Amino acid sequence: IRLVGGSRCSGRLEVPHGNTWYTVCADAFDQQDAEVVCRELKCGAPVQVLGAAAFGKGDAQMWTQEIQCKGNEYQFALCPVSLSHNYSHDNDVSVVCA
């Protein structure tokens, strides 16, 4: 996973799948998801979860699954997912970690 458009510990969330990076929609992304992102990136605790493409719209493909972390996972890839709705880059999620 990576944060793009800010610093190492803040920016638009992108997740890898195969050889492709995907942007994540803010609709179902919450504090528990951010806990796992910040932990995996070794960036401390999450300070903010922002929608509306706060760090710019991504040009990667959209991740089409809803992420449902419990908050205690040590890796983002271990979080459960479910099918989701139609998303657009207008609502790419961004995370700001401490």
Protein backbone atom coordinates (compact mmCIF):
# COMPACT_ATOMS: atom_id res chain seq x y z
CA ILE A 1 0.00 0.00 0.00
CA ARG A 2 1.08 3.59 -0.45
CA LEU A 3 -0.04 7.16 0.19
CA VAL A 4 0.30 9.45 -2.85
CA GLY A 5 0.24 13.21 -3.29
CA GLY A 6 1.30 14.22 0.22
CA SER A 7 4.17 12.80 2.24
CA ARG A 8 5.21 9.29 3.21
CA CYS A 9 2.57 9.35 5.96
CA SER A 10 -0.25 11.32 4.31
CA GLY A 11 -1.96 11.20 0.95
CA ARG A 12 -4.37 9.37 -1.31
CA LEU A 13 -4.49 5.66 -0.52
CA GLU A 14 -3.50 3.27 -3.29
CA VAL A 15 -3.44 -0.51 -2.94
CA PRO A 16 -1.64 -3.04 -5.15
CA HIS A 17 -3.24 -6.04 -6.81
CA GLY A 18 -1.05 -8.00 -9.18
CA ASN A 19 1.03 -5.44 -11.10
CA THR A 20 -1.61 -2.70 -10.85
CA TRP A 21 -2.22 0.06 -8.28
CA TYR A 22 -5.82 0.89 -7.35
CA THR A 23 -7.34 3.92 -5.62
CA VAL A 24 -9.82 3.34 -2.80
CA CYS A 25 -13.19 5.05 -2.39
CA ALA A 26 -13.93 6.97 0.81
CA ASP A 27 -17.58 5.83 1.07
CA ALA A 28 -17.04 2.85 3.37
CA PHE A 29 -13.52 3.67 4.58
CA ASP A 30 -13.36 4.40 8.30
CA GLN A 31 -11.05 4.88 11.29
CA GLN A 32 -10.41 1.12 11.70
CA ASP A 33 -9.22 0.92 8.08
CA ALA A 34 -6.96 3.93 8.65
CA GLU A 35 -5.49 2.31 11.79
CA VAL A 36 -4.24 -0.59 9.68
CA VAL A 37 -2.90 1.66 6.89
CA CYS A 38 -0.91 3.84 9.29
CA ARG A 39 0.38 0.81 11.24
CA GLU A 40 1.56 -0.98 8.09
CA LEU A 41 3.33 2.16 6.84
CA LYS A 42 4.94 2.65 10.30
CA CYS A 43 3.44 6.15 10.50
CA GLY A 44 1.85 6.17 13.95
CA ALA A 45 -1.86 6.63 14.57
CA PRO A 46 -4.33 7.97 12.01
CA VAL A 47 -5.16 11.65 12.47
CA GLN A 48 -7.69 12.14 9.66
CA VAL A 49 -9.59 10.19 7.04
CA LEU A 50 -10.52 12.47 4.15
CA GLY A 51 -12.78 11.93 1.15
CA ALA A 52 -13.51 14.11 -1.87
CA ALA A 53 -10.06 13.42 -3.35
CA ALA A 54 -8.40 15.66 -0.75
CA PHE A 55 -4.93 14.85 -2.15
CA GLY A 56 -6.06 14.93 -5.77
CA LYS A 57 -7.91 12.48 -7.96
CA GLY A 58 -6.08 9.28 -8.74
CA ASP A 59 -5.50 8.07 -12.27
CA ALA A 60 -5.24 4.43 -11.23
CA GLN A 61 -8.13 2.02 -11.55
CA MET A 62 -10.74 2.08 -8.78
CA TRP A 63 -10.67 -0.69 -6.15
CA THR A 64 -14.13 -2.23 -6.43
CA GLN A 65 -14.36 -3.88 -3.04
CA GLU A 66 -15.42 -2.38 0.28
CA ILE A 67 -12.65 -2.71 2.86
CA GLN A 68 -13.78 -3.79 6.33
CA CYS A 69 -10.77 -3.80 8.66
CA LYS A 70 -11.38 -4.49 12.33
CA GLY A 71 -8.42 -2.25 13.18
CA ASN A 72 -6.15 -4.91 14.68
CA GLU A 73 -4.82 -6.39 11.41
CA TYR A 74 -1.07 -5.89 10.98
CA GLN A 75 -1.36 -5.77 7.18
CA PHE A 76 -3.97 -4.05 5.02
CA ALA A 77 -4.13 -7.07 2.70
CA LEU A 78 -5.52 -9.15 5.60
CA CYS A 79 -8.65 -6.98 5.99
CA PRO A 80 -11.94 -8.57 4.90
CA VAL A 81 -13.58 -7.14 1.79
CA SER A 82 -17.03 -7.27 0.24
CA LEU A 83 -18.48 -6.24 -3.09
CA SER A 84 -19.22 -2.55 -3.36
CA HIS A 85 -21.04 0.02 -5.44
CA ASN A 86 -19.96 2.23 -8.32
CA TYR A 87 -17.17 4.52 -7.22
CA SER A 88 -15.52 7.48 -8.87
CA HIS A 89 -12.22 9.30 -8.42
CA ASP A 90 -14.20 12.29 -7.07
CA ASN A 91 -14.33 10.43 -3.75
CA ASP A 92 -10.84 8.89 -3.50
CA VAL A 93 -9.93 8.35 0.15
CA SER A 94 -6.91 10.01 1.75
CA VAL A 95 -5.33 9.24 5.10
CA VAL A 96 -3.24 11.50 7.34
CA CYS A 97 -1.16 9.60 9.91
CA ALA A 98 0.67 11.05 12.90
